[in-house]
């Protein structure tokens, strides 16, 4: 294979995988909040990532909140104690949960304790992430319309012994009764595997 080949295999370690996954979550959360209209479109601006235009917030309050979530998430990913991230969208009027965007996370525990490195091409990982971002965009045409103002929460599931900052509160699962589920593609760094799905309230 020549040096000019595009699909070069790269050695991936825990910190590098954590950075990839954390960045993915940042763009995914922004994209979902934009696509589902939780915030008005003027609160976002388009940037290019993964070969796609992705809308990210320009609202300082939202940026700070998401930044704090991602910083803590990164620590849990590094420790190998993060099991799942869930973005919950609920009615601002009734608090009824409308959608749960679930990202199941599997961690190679040998890598989490720093005893393992893996190889996978950066292009393959980027292509897998690109497919998920495309699905998030397309999902707008598949999900029921959100016809009322909505709010959101971010839930993170961790191992029981994982340290939790005092600024984080325990929460119920915010499940949806009689829900439908839409599975999405996954991506895998070979250290962290992320499997997204959408659970949503079925129209009455």
N, C-alpha and C. Protein backbone atom coordinates (compact mmCIF):
# COMPACT_ATOMS: atom_id res chain seq x y z
N UNK A 1 0.86 -1.19 0.00
CA UNK A 1 0.00 0.00 0.00
C UNK A 1 0.89 1.24 0.00
N UNK A 2 0.60 2.18 -0.87
CA UNK A 2 1.43 3.37 -0.98
C UNK A 2 1.06 4.38 0.08
N UNK A 3 1.96 5.35 0.27
CA UNK A 3 1.74 6.38 1.28
C UNK A 3 0.57 7.27 0.91
N UNK A 4 0.19 7.29 -0.38
CA UNK A 4 -0.89 8.16 -0.80
C UNK A 4 -2.27 7.50 -0.67
N UNK A 5 -2.31 6.24 -0.25
CA UNK A 5 -3.59 5.55 -0.10
C UNK A 5 -4.45 6.26 0.93
N UNK A 6 -5.77 6.28 0.68
CA UNK A 6 -6.68 7.04 1.54
C UNK A 6 -7.09 6.29 2.79
N UNK A 7 -7.17 4.98 2.71
CA UNK A 7 -7.74 4.20 3.81
C UNK A 7 -6.65 3.62 4.70
N UNK A 8 -5.76 4.47 5.19
CA UNK A 8 -4.63 4.04 6.01
C UNK A 8 -5.12 3.65 7.39
N UNK A 9 -4.67 2.51 7.87
CA UNK A 9 -5.06 2.06 9.20
C UNK A 9 -4.28 2.84 10.25
N UNK A 10 -4.97 3.27 11.28
CA UNK A 10 -4.37 4.07 12.33
C UNK A 10 -4.46 3.33 13.65
N UNK A 11 -3.43 3.51 14.46
CA UNK A 11 -3.47 2.95 15.81
C UNK A 11 -4.34 3.85 16.68
N UNK A 12 -5.30 3.24 17.37
CA UNK A 12 -6.24 3.98 18.21
C UNK A 12 -6.04 3.55 19.65
N UNK A 13 -5.90 4.52 20.52
CA UNK A 13 -5.78 4.24 21.95
C UNK A 13 -6.99 4.84 22.66
N UNK A 14 -7.09 4.62 23.94
CA UNK A 14 -8.27 5.02 24.71
C UNK A 14 -8.55 6.51 24.60
N UNK A 15 -7.52 7.35 24.75
CA UNK A 15 -7.74 8.79 24.71
C UNK A 15 -8.24 9.23 23.33
N UNK A 16 -7.65 8.67 22.28
CA UNK A 16 -8.08 9.03 20.93
C UNK A 16 -9.51 8.61 20.66
N UNK A 17 -9.87 7.41 21.09
CA UNK A 17 -11.23 6.93 20.91
C UNK A 17 -12.21 7.79 21.70
N UNK A 18 -11.84 8.17 22.92
CA UNK A 18 -12.69 9.03 23.73
C UNK A 18 -12.94 10.36 23.05
N UNK A 19 -11.90 10.93 22.45
CA UNK A 19 -12.06 12.20 21.74
C UNK A 19 -13.01 12.06 20.56
N UNK A 20 -12.89 10.97 19.82
CA UNK A 20 -13.77 10.72 18.68
C UNK A 20 -15.22 10.62 19.13
N UNK A 21 -15.46 9.83 20.18
CA UNK A 21 -16.83 9.61 20.66
C UNK A 21 -17.41 10.88 21.25
N UNK A 22 -16.62 11.60 22.03
CA UNK A 22 -17.12 12.84 22.65
C UNK A 22 -17.48 13.86 21.58
N UNK A 23 -16.63 14.00 20.57
CA UNK A 23 -16.93 14.93 19.48
C UNK A 23 -18.20 14.52 18.75
N UNK A 24 -18.34 13.22 18.49
CA UNK A 24 -19.56 12.72 17.84
C UNK A 24 -20.79 13.11 18.64
N UNK A 25 -20.75 12.92 19.96
CA UNK A 25 -21.91 13.26 20.78
C UNK A 25 -22.20 14.76 20.72
N UNK A 26 -21.17 15.59 20.69
CA UNK A 26 -21.38 17.02 20.61
C UNK A 26 -22.13 17.40 19.34
N UNK A 27 -21.68 16.88 18.21
CA UNK A 27 -22.36 17.19 16.95
C UNK A 27 -23.74 16.55 16.87
N UNK A 28 -23.89 15.34 17.42
CA UNK A 28 -25.18 14.66 17.37
C UNK A 28 -26.23 15.41 18.21
N UNK A 29 -25.87 15.80 19.42
CA UNK A 29 -26.82 16.51 20.27
C UNK A 29 -27.25 17.82 19.62
N UNK A 30 -26.28 18.55 19.08
CA UNK A 30 -26.61 19.80 18.39
C UNK A 30 -27.54 19.55 17.21
N UNK A 31 -27.22 18.53 16.43
CA UNK A 31 -28.01 18.24 15.25
C UNK A 31 -29.44 17.85 15.60
N UNK A 32 -29.60 17.02 16.64
CA UNK A 32 -30.95 16.61 17.05
C UNK A 32 -31.76 17.81 17.53
N UNK A 33 -31.16 18.65 18.37
CA UNK A 33 -31.87 19.82 18.88
C UNK A 33 -32.28 20.76 17.75
N UNK A 34 -31.45 20.85 16.72
CA UNK A 34 -31.79 21.68 15.56
C UNK A 34 -32.86 21.01 14.71
N UNK A 35 -32.64 19.75 14.35
CA UNK A 35 -33.57 19.06 13.45
C UNK A 35 -34.96 18.92 14.06
N UNK A 36 -35.04 18.74 15.37
CA UNK A 36 -36.34 18.55 16.02
C UNK A 36 -36.96 19.87 16.48
N UNK A 37 -36.29 20.99 16.22
CA UNK A 37 -36.87 22.29 16.50
C UNK A 37 -37.03 22.61 17.97
N UNK A 38 -36.20 21.98 18.81
CA UNK A 38 -36.28 22.27 20.25
C UNK A 38 -35.87 23.72 20.52
N UNK A 39 -34.91 24.22 19.75
CA UNK A 39 -34.53 25.62 19.78
C UNK A 39 -34.79 26.22 18.39
N UNK A 40 -35.05 27.52 18.29
CA UNK A 40 -35.31 28.12 16.98
C UNK A 40 -34.06 28.06 16.09
N UNK A 41 -34.25 28.02 14.77
CA UNK A 41 -33.13 27.84 13.85
C UNK A 41 -32.08 28.94 13.94
N UNK A 42 -32.48 30.14 14.35
CA UNK A 42 -31.49 31.23 14.44
C UNK A 42 -30.50 31.03 15.58
N UNK A 43 -30.76 30.04 16.44
CA UNK A 43 -29.82 29.72 17.52
C UNK A 43 -28.71 28.78 17.04
N UNK A 44 -28.67 28.50 15.73
CA UNK A 44 -27.70 27.56 15.19
C UNK A 44 -27.00 28.16 13.97
N UNK A 45 -25.83 27.62 13.69
CA UNK A 45 -25.12 27.96 12.46
C UNK A 45 -24.51 26.69 11.89
N UNK A 46 -24.39 26.65 10.57
CA UNK A 46 -23.90 25.46 9.90
C UNK A 46 -22.37 25.43 9.88
N UNK A 47 -21.80 24.26 10.19
CA UNK A 47 -20.36 24.04 10.07
C UNK A 47 -20.16 22.76 9.27
N UNK A 48 -18.96 22.56 8.76
CA UNK A 48 -18.67 21.35 7.98
C UNK A 48 -17.91 20.36 8.85
N UNK A 49 -18.46 19.15 8.98
CA UNK A 49 -17.78 18.09 9.72
C UNK A 49 -18.25 16.75 9.16
N UNK A 50 -17.36 15.79 9.14
CA UNK A 50 -17.65 14.47 8.59
C UNK A 50 -18.10 14.55 7.13
N UNK A 51 -17.65 15.60 6.44
CA UNK A 51 -18.05 15.79 5.05
C UNK A 51 -19.48 16.26 4.88
N UNK A 52 -20.10 16.75 5.97
CA UNK A 52 -21.49 17.15 5.94
C UNK A 52 -21.66 18.52 6.59
N UNK A 53 -22.68 19.28 6.20
CA UNK A 53 -23.04 20.48 6.96
C UNK A 53 -23.82 20.07 8.20
N UNK A 54 -23.37 20.49 9.36
CA UNK A 54 -24.05 20.17 10.63
C UNK A 54 -24.33 21.48 11.36
N UNK A 55 -25.52 21.62 11.89
CA UNK A 55 -25.88 22.83 12.61
C UNK A 55 -25.48 22.71 14.08
N UNK A 56 -24.73 23.68 14.56
CA UNK A 56 -24.31 23.73 15.96
C UNK A 56 -24.79 25.05 16.56
N UNK A 57 -25.06 25.03 17.83
CA UNK A 57 -25.65 26.20 18.47
C UNK A 57 -24.67 27.36 18.60
N UNK A 58 -25.21 28.56 18.47
CA UNK A 58 -24.43 29.77 18.77
C UNK A 58 -24.97 30.46 20.02
N UNK A 59 -25.85 29.76 20.74
CA UNK A 59 -26.41 30.28 21.98
C UNK A 59 -25.46 29.97 23.13
N UNK A 60 -24.98 30.98 23.82
CA UNK A 60 -23.95 30.78 24.85
C UNK A 60 -24.42 29.88 25.99
N UNK A 61 -25.67 30.04 26.40
CA UNK A 61 -26.18 29.21 27.49
C UNK A 61 -26.21 27.74 27.11
N UNK A 62 -26.69 27.45 25.91
CA UNK A 62 -26.76 26.07 25.44
C UNK A 62 -25.37 25.51 25.22
N UNK A 63 -24.47 26.33 24.66
CA UNK A 63 -23.09 25.88 24.45
C UNK A 63 -22.43 25.51 25.77
N UNK A 64 -22.63 26.33 26.79
CA UNK A 64 -22.02 26.06 28.08
C UNK A 64 -22.59 24.78 28.70
N UNK A 65 -23.89 24.60 28.60
CA UNK A 65 -24.52 23.40 29.16
C UNK A 65 -23.99 22.14 28.47
N UNK A 66 -24.01 22.14 27.14
CA UNK A 66 -23.53 20.97 26.41
C UNK A 66 -22.05 20.74 26.66
N UNK A 67 -21.29 21.82 26.80
CA UNK A 67 -19.86 21.69 27.07
C UNK A 67 -19.60 21.00 28.40
N UNK A 68 -20.39 21.32 29.42
CA UNK A 68 -20.23 20.68 30.72
C UNK A 68 -20.61 19.20 30.65
N UNK A 69 -21.68 18.90 29.91
CA UNK A 69 -22.09 17.51 29.75
C UNK A 69 -20.99 16.71 29.07
N UNK A 70 -20.43 17.25 27.99
CA UNK A 70 -19.43 16.53 27.21
C UNK A 70 -18.12 16.36 27.98
N UNK A 71 -17.76 17.35 28.79
CA UNK A 71 -16.54 17.25 29.59
C UNK A 71 -16.65 16.09 30.58
N UNK A 72 -17.80 16.00 31.26
CA UNK A 72 -17.99 14.91 32.22
C UNK A 72 -18.12 13.58 31.50
N UNK A 73 -18.82 13.58 30.37
CA UNK A 73 -18.96 12.35 29.59
C UNK A 73 -17.60 11.81 29.18
N UNK A 74 -16.71 12.69 28.78
CA UNK A 74 -15.36 12.29 28.38
C UNK A 74 -14.63 11.60 29.53
N UNK A 75 -14.80 12.11 30.74
CA UNK A 75 -14.15 11.49 31.90
C UNK A 75 -14.69 10.08 32.13
N UNK A 76 -16.00 9.92 32.00
CA UNK A 76 -16.58 8.58 32.19
C UNK A 76 -16.16 7.63 31.08
N UNK A 77 -16.04 8.13 29.86
CA UNK A 77 -15.57 7.30 28.75
C UNK A 77 -14.14 6.84 28.98
N UNK A 78 -13.30 7.75 29.45
CA UNK A 78 -11.90 7.41 29.74
C UNK A 78 -11.80 6.35 30.81
N UNK A 79 -12.72 6.41 31.76
CA UNK A 79 -12.70 5.45 32.87
C UNK A 79 -13.38 4.13 32.51
N UNK A 80 -14.01 4.09 31.33
CA UNK A 80 -14.71 2.87 30.92
C UNK A 80 -15.97 2.59 31.71
N UNK A 81 -16.59 3.64 32.28
CA UNK A 81 -17.75 3.45 33.15
C UNK A 81 -19.04 3.98 32.56
N UNK A 82 -19.01 4.43 31.31
CA UNK A 82 -20.20 5.01 30.67
C UNK A 82 -20.91 3.94 29.85
N UNK A 83 -22.17 3.72 30.13
CA UNK A 83 -22.95 2.68 29.46
C UNK A 83 -23.90 3.22 28.40
N UNK A 84 -24.40 4.44 28.61
CA UNK A 84 -25.45 4.93 27.73
C UNK A 84 -25.61 6.44 27.90
N UNK A 85 -25.90 7.12 26.80
CA UNK A 85 -26.30 8.52 26.83
C UNK A 85 -27.68 8.61 26.20
N UNK A 86 -28.57 9.38 26.83
CA UNK A 86 -29.93 9.53 26.33
C UNK A 86 -30.29 11.01 26.28
N UNK A 87 -30.74 11.45 25.11
CA UNK A 87 -31.31 12.79 24.97
C UNK A 87 -32.82 12.66 25.02
N UNK A 88 -33.43 13.27 26.02
CA UNK A 88 -34.88 13.19 26.22
C UNK A 88 -35.52 14.50 25.77
N UNK A 89 -36.50 14.40 24.90
CA UNK A 89 -37.26 15.56 24.47
C UNK A 89 -38.67 15.43 25.03
N UNK A 90 -39.11 16.48 25.76
CA UNK A 90 -40.40 16.43 26.45
C UNK A 90 -41.20 17.69 26.18
N UNK A 91 -42.51 17.59 26.34
CA UNK A 91 -43.39 18.74 26.19
C UNK A 91 -43.08 19.77 27.27
N UNK A 92 -42.92 21.02 26.86
CA UNK A 92 -42.67 22.08 27.83
C UNK A 92 -43.91 22.37 28.67
N UNK A 93 -45.07 22.02 28.16
CA UNK A 93 -46.33 22.31 28.86
C UNK A 93 -46.71 21.22 29.84
N UNK A 94 -46.52 19.96 29.47
CA UNK A 94 -47.01 18.85 30.28
C UNK A 94 -45.89 17.96 30.85
N UNK A 95 -44.66 18.17 30.40
CA UNK A 95 -43.51 17.33 30.77
C UNK A 95 -43.62 15.91 30.22
N UNK A 96 -44.60 15.64 29.37
CA UNK A 96 -44.71 14.31 28.78
C UNK A 96 -43.54 14.07 27.84
N UNK A 97 -42.91 12.91 27.98
CA UNK A 97 -41.76 12.59 27.14
C UNK A 97 -42.23 12.24 25.73
N UNK A 98 -41.66 12.92 24.75
CA UNK A 98 -42.05 12.71 23.35
C UNK A 98 -41.06 11.80 22.63
N UNK A 99 -39.76 11.97 22.92
CA UNK A 99 -38.73 11.19 22.23
C UNK A 99 -37.58 10.90 23.19
N UNK A 100 -36.97 9.74 23.01
CA UNK A 100 -35.72 9.39 23.70
C UNK A 100 -34.71 8.96 22.64
N UNK A 101 -33.67 9.74 22.48
CA UNK A 101 -32.59 9.41 21.56
C UNK A 101 -31.52 8.68 22.38
N UNK A 102 -31.44 7.37 22.19
CA UNK A 102 -30.61 6.52 23.04
C UNK A 102 -29.33 6.15 22.30
N UNK A 103 -28.20 6.32 22.98
CA UNK A 103 -26.90 5.93 22.44
C UNK A 103 -26.27 4.93 23.39
N UNK A 104 -26.42 3.64 23.09
CA UNK A 104 -25.79 2.61 23.91
C UNK A 104 -24.29 2.57 23.62
N UNK A 105 -23.50 2.43 24.67
CA UNK A 105 -22.04 2.47 24.55
C UNK A 105 -21.44 1.18 25.10
N UNK A 106 -20.69 0.49 24.27
CA UNK A 106 -19.93 -0.68 24.71
C UNK A 106 -18.45 -0.32 24.71
N UNK A 107 -17.77 -0.64 25.79
CA UNK A 107 -16.36 -0.29 25.94
C UNK A 107 -15.51 -1.55 26.07
N UNK A 108 -14.45 -1.64 25.31
CA UNK A 108 -13.47 -2.72 25.48
C UNK A 108 -12.72 -2.45 26.78
N UNK A 109 -12.98 -3.26 27.80
CA UNK A 109 -12.43 -2.98 29.12
C UNK A 109 -10.91 -3.15 29.18
N UNK A 110 -10.33 -3.97 28.31
CA UNK A 110 -8.87 -4.05 28.26
C UNK A 110 -8.28 -2.72 27.82
N UNK A 111 -8.93 -2.09 26.87
CA UNK A 111 -8.46 -0.77 26.43
C UNK A 111 -8.70 0.29 27.49
N UNK A 112 -9.80 0.14 28.25
CA UNK A 112 -10.14 1.13 29.26
C UNK A 112 -9.12 1.19 30.39
N UNK A 113 -8.41 0.11 30.62
CA UNK A 113 -7.37 0.13 31.66
C UNK A 113 -5.99 0.36 31.05
N UNK A 114 -5.98 0.74 29.79
CA UNK A 114 -4.73 1.15 29.15
C UNK A 114 -3.82 0.03 28.72
N UNK A 115 -4.36 -1.18 28.57
CA UNK A 115 -3.50 -2.32 28.22
C UNK A 115 -3.67 -2.77 26.78
N UNK A 116 -4.42 -1.99 25.99
CA UNK A 116 -4.70 -2.45 24.64
C UNK A 116 -4.77 -1.29 23.67
N UNK A 117 -4.21 -1.49 22.48
CA UNK A 117 -4.38 -0.56 21.37
C UNK A 117 -4.94 -1.34 20.20
N UNK A 118 -5.69 -0.66 19.35
CA UNK A 118 -6.32 -1.32 18.21
C UNK A 118 -6.00 -0.53 16.95
N UNK A 119 -6.31 -1.14 15.83
CA UNK A 119 -6.11 -0.46 14.55
C UNK A 119 -7.42 -0.42 13.77
N UNK A 120 -7.75 0.75 13.28
CA UNK A 120 -8.88 0.93 12.38
C UNK A 120 -8.67 2.22 11.61
N UNK A 121 -9.00 2.23 10.35
CA UNK A 121 -8.75 3.43 9.55
C UNK A 121 -9.66 4.57 9.99
N UNK A 122 -9.10 5.76 10.02
CA UNK A 122 -9.88 6.95 10.36
C UNK A 122 -11.02 7.14 9.36
N UNK A 123 -10.76 6.82 8.10
CA UNK A 123 -11.80 6.98 7.08
C UNK A 123 -13.00 6.09 7.36
N UNK A 124 -12.75 4.85 7.79
CA UNK A 124 -13.86 3.94 8.10
C UNK A 124 -14.71 4.50 9.25
N UNK A 125 -14.05 5.00 10.28
CA UNK A 125 -14.78 5.57 11.42
C UNK A 125 -15.59 6.78 10.99
N UNK A 126 -14.96 7.66 10.19
CA UNK A 126 -15.65 8.86 9.72
C UNK A 126 -16.87 8.49 8.87
N UNK A 127 -16.73 7.47 8.03
CA UNK A 127 -17.85 7.04 7.19
C UNK A 127 -19.01 6.51 8.04
N UNK A 128 -18.68 5.76 9.09
CA UNK A 128 -19.72 5.23 9.97
C UNK A 128 -20.45 6.36 10.69
N UNK A 129 -19.69 7.35 11.17
CA UNK A 129 -20.29 8.50 11.85
C UNK A 129 -21.13 9.31 10.86
N UNK A 130 -20.62 9.51 9.66
CA UNK A 130 -21.36 10.26 8.64
C UNK A 130 -22.72 9.63 8.39
N UNK A 131 -22.77 8.29 8.33
CA UNK A 131 -24.04 7.60 8.08
C UNK A 131 -25.04 7.88 9.19
N UNK A 132 -24.57 7.94 10.44
CA UNK A 132 -25.47 8.22 11.57
C UNK A 132 -26.00 9.65 11.48
N UNK A 133 -25.11 10.61 11.22
CA UNK A 133 -25.53 12.01 11.12
C UNK A 133 -26.56 12.18 10.01
N UNK A 134 -26.35 11.48 8.89
CA UNK A 134 -27.34 11.53 7.81
C UNK A 134 -28.68 10.99 8.28
N UNK A 135 -28.66 9.90 9.05
CA UNK A 135 -29.91 9.32 9.54
C UNK A 135 -30.63 10.28 10.50
N UNK A 136 -29.87 10.99 11.33
CA UNK A 136 -30.48 11.97 12.23
C UNK A 136 -31.23 13.02 11.41
N UNK A 137 -30.63 13.47 10.32
CA UNK A 137 -31.27 14.46 9.46
C UNK A 137 -32.52 13.90 8.80
N UNK A 138 -32.42 12.68 8.29
CA UNK A 138 -33.56 12.06 7.60
C UNK A 138 -34.69 11.74 8.56
N UNK A 139 -34.36 11.53 9.83
CA UNK A 139 -35.38 11.11 10.81
C UNK A 139 -36.51 12.11 10.93
N UNK A 140 -36.26 13.37 10.59
CA UNK A 140 -37.31 14.39 10.66
C UNK A 140 -38.52 13.98 9.83
N UNK A 141 -38.27 13.30 8.72
CA UNK A 141 -39.37 12.89 7.84
C UNK A 141 -40.05 11.61 8.33
N UNK A 142 -39.44 10.92 9.28
CA UNK A 142 -39.97 9.65 9.76
C UNK A 142 -40.68 9.76 11.11
N UNK A 143 -40.33 10.75 11.90
CA UNK A 143 -40.89 10.88 13.25
C UNK A 143 -42.12 11.77 13.24
N UNK A 144 -43.02 11.58 14.21
CA UNK A 144 -44.18 12.47 14.33
C UNK A 144 -43.73 13.91 14.56
N UNK A 145 -44.51 14.85 14.04
CA UNK A 145 -44.20 16.25 14.24
C UNK A 145 -44.28 16.61 15.73
N UNK A 146 -43.36 17.45 16.18
CA UNK A 146 -43.45 18.00 17.53
C UNK A 146 -44.22 19.31 17.41
N UNK A 147 -45.49 19.28 17.76
CA UNK A 147 -46.38 20.41 17.49
C UNK A 147 -46.57 21.33 18.69
N UNK A 148 -45.70 21.22 19.67
CA UNK A 148 -45.77 22.08 20.84
C UNK A 148 -44.35 22.39 21.31
N UNK A 149 -44.18 23.45 22.09
CA UNK A 149 -42.83 23.77 22.58
C UNK A 149 -42.27 22.61 23.41
N UNK A 150 -40.99 22.34 23.25
CA UNK A 150 -40.38 21.21 23.95
C UNK A 150 -39.12 21.64 24.68
N UNK A 151 -38.77 20.87 25.70
CA UNK A 151 -37.52 21.03 26.42
C UNK A 151 -36.73 19.73 26.28
N UNK A 152 -35.51 19.73 26.79
CA UNK A 152 -34.71 18.50 26.71
C UNK A 152 -33.91 18.29 27.97
N UNK A 153 -33.55 17.04 28.21
CA UNK A 153 -32.63 16.65 29.27
C UNK A 153 -31.63 15.67 28.68
N UNK A 154 -30.45 15.61 29.26
CA UNK A 154 -29.46 14.61 28.89
C UNK A 154 -29.25 13.69 30.09
N UNK A 155 -29.48 12.39 29.87
CA UNK A 155 -29.25 11.38 30.90
C UNK A 155 -28.02 10.59 30.52
N UNK A 156 -27.19 10.26 31.50
CA UNK A 156 -26.02 9.42 31.27
C UNK A 156 -26.07 8.26 32.25
N UNK A 157 -26.02 7.05 31.73
CA UNK A 157 -26.01 5.84 32.56
C UNK A 157 -24.56 5.42 32.76
N UNK A 158 -24.17 5.23 34.02
CA UNK A 158 -22.80 4.83 34.34
C UNK A 158 -22.80 3.61 35.25
N UNK A 159 -21.63 3.01 35.43
CA UNK A 159 -21.49 1.96 36.43
C UNK A 159 -21.83 2.52 37.81
N UNK A 160 -22.30 1.67 38.70
CA UNK A 160 -22.73 2.13 40.02
C UNK A 160 -21.60 2.77 40.81
N UNK A 161 -20.36 2.30 40.59
CA UNK A 161 -19.24 2.83 41.38
C UNK A 161 -18.56 4.02 40.72
N UNK A 162 -19.10 4.53 39.62
CA UNK A 162 -18.50 5.69 38.95
C UNK A 162 -18.73 6.94 39.78
N UNK A 163 -17.70 7.77 39.98
CA UNK A 163 -17.89 9.02 40.72
C UNK A 163 -18.79 9.97 39.94
N UNK A 164 -19.70 10.62 40.66
CA UNK A 164 -20.66 11.53 40.03
C UNK A 164 -20.51 12.91 40.66
N UNK A 165 -20.28 13.96 39.86
CA UNK A 165 -20.16 15.31 40.41
C UNK A 165 -21.45 15.74 41.11
N UNK A 166 -21.32 16.63 42.08
CA UNK A 166 -22.50 17.07 42.85
C UNK A 166 -23.48 17.84 41.97
N UNK A 167 -23.01 18.39 40.85
CA UNK A 167 -23.89 19.16 39.97
C UNK A 167 -24.83 18.26 39.17
N UNK A 168 -24.58 16.94 39.19
CA UNK A 168 -25.45 16.01 38.49
C UNK A 168 -26.46 15.42 39.46
N UNK A 169 -27.70 15.24 39.00
CA UNK A 169 -28.75 14.71 39.85
C UNK A 169 -29.21 13.35 39.32
N UNK A 170 -29.68 12.50 40.23
CA UNK A 170 -30.28 11.25 39.80
C UNK A 170 -31.63 11.52 39.17
N UNK A 171 -31.98 10.71 38.19
CA UNK A 171 -33.23 10.90 37.46
C UNK A 171 -33.88 9.55 37.20
N UNK A 172 -35.19 9.58 37.00
CA UNK A 172 -35.84 8.38 36.50
C UNK A 172 -35.49 8.23 35.02
N UNK A 173 -35.88 7.13 34.43
CA UNK A 173 -35.48 6.83 33.05
C UNK A 173 -36.25 7.64 32.01
N UNK A 174 -37.32 8.30 32.42
CA UNK A 174 -38.15 9.10 31.50
C UNK A 174 -38.57 8.26 30.29
N UNK A 175 -39.16 7.11 30.58
CA UNK A 175 -39.57 6.21 29.51
C UNK A 175 -40.87 6.67 28.87
N UNK A 176 -41.15 6.13 27.69
CA UNK A 176 -42.36 6.46 26.95
C UNK A 176 -43.26 5.23 26.92
N UNK A 177 -44.50 5.40 27.32
CA UNK A 177 -45.45 4.30 27.28
C UNK A 177 -45.91 4.07 25.83
N UNK A 178 -46.08 2.80 25.47
CA UNK A 178 -46.55 2.44 24.13
C UNK A 178 -45.71 3.11 23.04
N UNK A 179 -44.41 3.01 23.18
CA UNK A 179 -43.49 3.69 22.27
C UNK A 179 -43.18 2.84 21.04
N UNK A 180 -42.77 3.52 20.00
CA UNK A 180 -42.20 2.87 18.82
C UNK A 180 -40.71 3.15 18.82
N UNK A 181 -39.95 2.26 18.17
CA UNK A 181 -38.50 2.40 18.16
C UNK A 181 -37.97 2.39 16.73
N UNK A 182 -37.00 3.27 16.48
CA UNK A 182 -36.35 3.36 15.18
C UNK A 182 -34.85 3.17 15.39
N UNK A 183 -34.30 2.02 15.00
CA UNK A 183 -32.86 1.80 15.17
C UNK A 183 -32.07 2.57 14.12
N UNK A 184 -30.89 3.00 14.50
CA UNK A 184 -29.98 3.68 13.58
C UNK A 184 -28.71 2.84 13.40
N UNK A 185 -27.85 3.25 12.51
CA UNK A 185 -26.57 2.59 12.31
C UNK A 185 -25.68 2.81 13.53
N UNK A 186 -24.64 2.01 13.66
CA UNK A 186 -23.70 2.18 14.76
C UNK A 186 -22.34 2.57 14.20
N UNK A 187 -21.47 3.05 15.10
CA UNK A 187 -20.06 3.17 14.72
C UNK A 187 -19.20 2.57 15.81
N UNK A 188 -18.00 2.15 15.42
CA UNK A 188 -17.14 1.38 16.32
C UNK A 188 -15.69 1.79 16.10
N UNK A 189 -15.06 2.30 17.15
CA UNK A 189 -13.63 2.61 17.06
C UNK A 189 -12.77 1.40 17.40
N UNK A 190 -13.42 0.30 17.76
CA UNK A 190 -12.81 -0.92 18.28
C UNK A 190 -12.42 -0.80 19.75
N UNK A 191 -12.60 0.39 20.31
CA UNK A 191 -12.50 0.59 21.76
C UNK A 191 -13.88 0.95 22.32
N UNK A 192 -14.55 1.87 21.64
CA UNK A 192 -15.93 2.22 21.99
C UNK A 192 -16.83 1.91 20.80
N UNK A 193 -17.93 1.23 21.06
CA UNK A 193 -18.96 1.02 20.06
C UNK A 193 -20.21 1.79 20.50
N UNK A 194 -20.75 2.60 19.60
CA UNK A 194 -21.91 3.43 19.91
C UNK A 194 -23.07 2.99 19.00
N UNK A 195 -24.16 2.57 19.63
CA UNK A 195 -25.34 2.09 18.90
C UNK A 195 -26.53 3.00 19.20
N UNK A 196 -26.91 3.88 18.27
CA UNK A 196 -28.03 4.78 18.52
C UNK A 196 -29.37 4.16 18.13
N UNK A 197 -30.42 4.67 18.76
CA UNK A 197 -31.79 4.35 18.38
C UNK A 197 -32.69 5.48 18.88
N UNK A 198 -33.89 5.54 18.30
CA UNK A 198 -34.86 6.57 18.69
C UNK A 198 -36.12 5.87 19.17
N UNK A 199 -36.55 6.22 20.38
CA UNK A 199 -37.84 5.76 20.87
C UNK A 199 -38.76 6.98 20.91
N UNK A 200 -39.95 6.84 20.37
CA UNK A 200 -40.83 7.99 20.27
C UNK A 200 -42.27 7.63 20.59
N UNK A 201 -43.01 8.65 21.03
CA UNK A 201 -44.40 8.45 21.37
C UNK A 201 -45.22 8.24 20.12
N UNK A 202 -46.02 7.19 20.10
CA UNK A 202 -46.88 6.91 18.97
C UNK A 202 -48.08 7.85 19.00
N UNK A 203 -48.43 8.38 17.85
CA UNK A 203 -49.57 9.29 17.76
C UNK A 203 -50.85 8.58 18.21
N UNK A 204 -51.68 9.30 18.97
CA UNK A 204 -52.96 8.73 19.41
C UNK A 204 -53.90 8.53 18.21
